[in-house]
Amino acid sequence: MTSPLLELVSTRPTWARVESGFHVASRDGEFVGYIDQSRDGSFLAFDGRSTPVGRYDTLKEAQRAVLSVPTTPVPDELQRRRLSVLHRVAVVAGVVAGGVALTAGAVVPYL
């Protein structure tokens, strides 16, 4: 059983300064959003899908804005469809690779 204190700690966001003026947020290993400082010194905030959240005077304001955007989980049905498409692509790629290997063997006989 997880203690409430550990649950609180694990849901806190982590901010990383990737380079000067560029900050990235994650929570529990998941990308949350980022902030890019513009040439005029303001901070442009973006959510986890790179949708602009707004322009802010301070980094702290921009960070609060990024963290206030609700995250929308991918519905289960959409996930199943995506996996189905990926499986089909993998099968087709395997068949094509097998066909290429067979063709190469027929064109270049063993020495």
C-alpha atoms as a PDB file:
ATOM      1  CA  MET A   1       0.000   0.000   0.000  1.00  0.00           C
ATOM      2  CA  THR A   2       1.375   3.419  -0.984  1.00  0.00           C
ATOM      3  CA  SER A   3       1.419   6.085   1.686  1.00  0.00           C
ATOM      4  CA  PRO A   4      -0.405   9.360   0.965  1.00  0.00           C
ATOM      5  CA  LEU A   5       2.906  11.200   1.349  1.00  0.00           C
ATOM      6  CA  LEU A   6       4.504   9.161  -1.452  1.00  0.00           C
ATOM      7  CA  GLU A   7       1.492   9.765  -3.683  1.00  0.00           C
ATOM      8  CA  LEU A   8       1.854  13.502  -3.140  1.00  0.00           C
ATOM      9  CA  VAL A   9       5.542  13.430  -3.988  1.00  0.00           C
ATOM     10  CA  SER A  10       5.053  11.352  -7.124  1.00  0.00           C
ATOM     11  CA  THR A  11       2.492  13.752  -8.622  1.00  0.00           C
ATOM     12  CA  ARG A  12       4.654  16.859  -8.245  1.00  0.00           C
ATOM     13  CA  PRO A  13       5.872  18.298 -11.529  1.00  0.00           C
ATOM     14  CA  THR A  14       9.552  18.434 -12.377  1.00  0.00           C
ATOM     15  CA  TRP A  15      10.912  21.386 -14.317  1.00  0.00           C
ATOM     16  CA  ALA A  16      14.119  21.030 -16.312  1.00  0.00           C
ATOM     17  CA  ARG A  17      16.034  23.940 -17.814  1.00  0.00           C
ATOM     18  CA  VAL A  18      17.087  22.443 -21.147  1.00  0.00           C
ATOM     19  CA  GLU A  19      18.922  25.557 -22.275  1.00  0.00           C
ATOM     20  CA  SER A  20      18.823  29.243 -21.528  1.00  0.00           C
ATOM     21  CA  GLY A  21      15.206  30.402 -21.784  1.00  0.00           C
ATOM     22  CA  PHE A  22      13.756  26.927 -22.451  1.00  0.00           C
ATOM     23  CA  HIS A  23      12.098  24.932 -19.652  1.00  0.00           C
ATOM     24  CA  VAL A  24      10.314  21.564 -19.871  1.00  0.00           C
ATOM     25  CA  ALA A  25       7.856  20.105 -17.358  1.00  0.00           C
ATOM     26  CA  SER A  26       7.107  16.458 -16.631  1.00  0.00           C
ATOM     27  CA  ARG A  27       5.037  14.649 -14.040  1.00  0.00           C
ATOM     28  CA  ASP A  28       5.592  10.979 -13.217  1.00  0.00           C
ATOM     29  CA  GLY A  29       7.766  10.715 -16.330  1.00  0.00           C
ATOM     30  CA  GLU A  30       5.064  12.109 -18.634  1.00  0.00           C
ATOM     31  CA  PHE A  31       5.637  15.285 -20.666  1.00  0.00           C
ATOM     32  CA  VAL A  32       3.397  18.116 -19.391  1.00  0.00           C
ATOM     33  CA  GLY A  33       4.486  21.161 -21.403  1.00  0.00           C
ATOM     34  CA  TYR A  34       7.219  23.704 -21.947  1.00  0.00           C
ATOM     35  CA  ILE A  35       8.093  27.373 -21.723  1.00  0.00           C
ATOM     36  CA  ASP A  36      10.155  29.332 -24.219  1.00  0.00           C
ATOM     37  CA  GLN A  37      11.464  32.795 -23.402  1.00  0.00           C
ATOM     38  CA  SER A  38      11.016  35.216 -26.287  1.00  0.00           C
ATOM     39  CA  ARG A  39      13.462  37.920 -27.345  1.00  0.00           C
ATOM     40  CA  ASP A  40      11.400  40.585 -25.572  1.00  0.00           C
ATOM     41  CA  GLY A  41      11.845  38.716 -22.268  1.00  0.00           C
ATOM     42  CA  SER A  42       8.290  37.390 -21.978  1.00  0.00           C
ATOM     43  CA  PHE A  43       7.617  33.704 -21.457  1.00  0.00           C
ATOM     44  CA  LEU A  44       5.556  31.711 -23.964  1.00  0.00           C
ATOM     45  CA  ALA A  45       3.831  28.733 -22.343  1.00  0.00           C
ATOM     46  CA  PHE A  46       2.751  25.588 -24.236  1.00  0.00           C
ATOM     47  CA  ASP A  47       0.870  22.517 -23.048  1.00  0.00           C
ATOM     48  CA  GLY A  48       1.821  18.874 -23.598  1.00  0.00           C
ATOM     49  CA  ARG A  49       0.513  18.977 -27.162  1.00  0.00           C
ATOM     50  CA  SER A  50       2.459  22.149 -28.023  1.00  0.00           C
ATOM     51  CA  THR A  51      -0.728  24.216 -27.971  1.00  0.00           C
ATOM     52  CA  PRO A  52      -0.017  27.791 -26.871  1.00  0.00           C
ATOM     53  CA  VAL A  53      -1.299  28.521 -23.365  1.00  0.00           C
ATOM     54  CA  GLY A  54      -0.309  32.187 -23.221  1.00  0.00           C
ATOM     55  CA  ARG A  55       2.377  34.851 -22.870  1.00  0.00           C
ATOM     56  CA  TYR A  56       3.533  35.776 -19.359  1.00  0.00           C
ATOM     57  CA  ASP A  57       5.795  38.364 -17.762  1.00  0.00           C
ATOM     58  CA  THR A  58       7.488  35.925 -15.371  1.00  0.00           C
ATOM     59  CA  LEU A  59       8.653  32.337 -15.514  1.00  0.00           C
ATOM     60  CA  LYS A  60       6.603  31.483 -12.407  1.00  0.00           C
ATOM     61  CA  GLU A  61       3.390  32.741 -14.036  1.00  0.00           C
ATOM     62  CA  ALA A  62       4.115  30.697 -17.152  1.00  0.00           C
ATOM     63  CA  GLN A  63       4.871  27.589 -15.072  1.00  0.00           C
ATOM     64  CA  ARG A  64       1.583  27.936 -13.186  1.00  0.00           C
ATOM     65  CA  ALA A  65      -0.263  28.312 -16.490  1.00  0.00           C
ATOM     66  CA  VAL A  66       1.307  25.167 -17.989  1.00  0.00           C
ATOM     67  CA  LEU A  67       0.471  23.138 -14.892  1.00  0.00           C
ATOM     68  CA  SER A  68      -3.112  24.421 -14.798  1.00  0.00           C
ATOM     69  CA  VAL A  69      -3.982  22.991 -18.222  1.00  0.00           C
ATOM     70  CA  PRO A  70      -6.011  19.798 -17.739  1.00  0.00           C
ATOM     71  CA  THR A  71      -4.543  16.719 -19.343  1.00  0.00           C
ATOM     72  CA  THR A  72      -6.868  14.631 -21.458  1.00  0.00           C
ATOM     73  CA  PRO A  73      -6.111  10.928 -21.466  1.00  0.00           C
ATOM     74  CA  VAL A  74      -6.391   9.019 -24.711  1.00  0.00           C
ATOM     75  CA  PRO A  75      -9.660   7.065 -24.740  1.00  0.00           C
ATOM     76  CA  ASP A  76      -9.339   3.291 -24.638  1.00  0.00           C
ATOM     77  CA  GLU A  77     -11.078   2.852 -28.002  1.00  0.00           C
ATOM     78  CA  LEU A  78      -8.663   5.234 -29.681  1.00  0.00           C
ATOM     79  CA  GLN A  79      -5.718   3.407 -28.131  1.00  0.00           C
ATOM     80  CA  ARG A  80      -7.042   0.073 -29.449  1.00  0.00           C
ATOM     81  CA  ARG A  81      -7.404   1.520 -32.944  1.00  0.00           C
ATOM     82  CA  ARG A  82      -3.892   2.916 -32.886  1.00  0.00           C
ATOM     83  CA  LEU A  83      -2.457  -0.407 -31.743  1.00  0.00           C
ATOM     84  CA  SER A  84      -4.430  -2.214 -34.431  1.00  0.00           C
ATOM     85  CA  VAL A  85      -3.009   0.062 -37.112  1.00  0.00           C
ATOM     86  CA  LEU A  86       0.512  -0.365 -35.748  1.00  0.00           C
ATOM     87  CA  HIS A  87       0.125  -4.150 -35.769  1.00  0.00           C
ATOM     88  CA  ARG A  88      -1.038  -4.079 -39.382  1.00  0.00           C
ATOM     89  CA  VAL A  89       1.893  -1.877 -40.373  1.00  0.00           C
ATOM     90  CA  ALA A  90       4.283  -4.274 -38.632  1.00  0.00           C
ATOM     91  CA  VAL A  91       2.799  -7.278 -40.441  1.00  0.00           C
ATOM     92  CA  VAL A  92       2.992  -5.559 -43.827  1.00  0.00           C
ATOM     93  CA  ALA A  93       6.583  -4.495 -43.138  1.00  0.00           C
ATOM     94  CA  GLY A  94       7.469  -8.077 -42.212  1.00  0.00           C
ATOM     95  CA  VAL A  95       5.874  -9.463 -45.375  1.00  0.00           C
ATOM     96  CA  VAL A  96       7.672  -6.909 -47.541  1.00  0.00           C
ATOM     97  CA  ALA A  97      11.002  -7.638 -45.831  1.00  0.00           C
ATOM     98  CA  GLY A  98      10.475 -11.365 -46.314  1.00  0.00           C
ATOM     99  CA  GLY A  99       9.647 -10.866 -49.984  1.00  0.00           C
ATOM    100  CA  VAL A 100      12.748  -8.747 -50.491  1.00  0.00           C
ATOM    101  CA  ALA A 101      14.903 -11.395 -48.805  1.00  0.00           C
ATOM    102  CA  LEU A 102      13.441 -14.175 -50.974  1.00  0.00           C
ATOM    103  CA  THR A 103      13.878 -12.109 -54.128  1.00  0.00           C
ATOM    104  CA  ALA A 104      17.467 -11.284 -53.217  1.00  0.00           C
ATOM    105  CA  GLY A 105      18.174 -14.994 -52.713  1.00  0.00           C
ATOM    106  CA  ALA A 106      16.709 -15.848 -56.090  1.00  0.00           C
ATOM    107  CA  VAL A 107      18.569 -13.067 -57.920  1.00  0.00           C
ATOM    108  CA  VAL A 108      21.952 -13.633 -56.276  1.00  0.00           C
ATOM    109  CA  PRO A 109      22.590 -17.382 -56.221  1.00  0.00           C
ATOM    110  CA  TYR A 110      24.711 -18.948 -53.510  1.00  0.00           C
ATOM    111  CA  LEU A 111      28.375 -19.117 -54.399  1.00  0.00           C
END
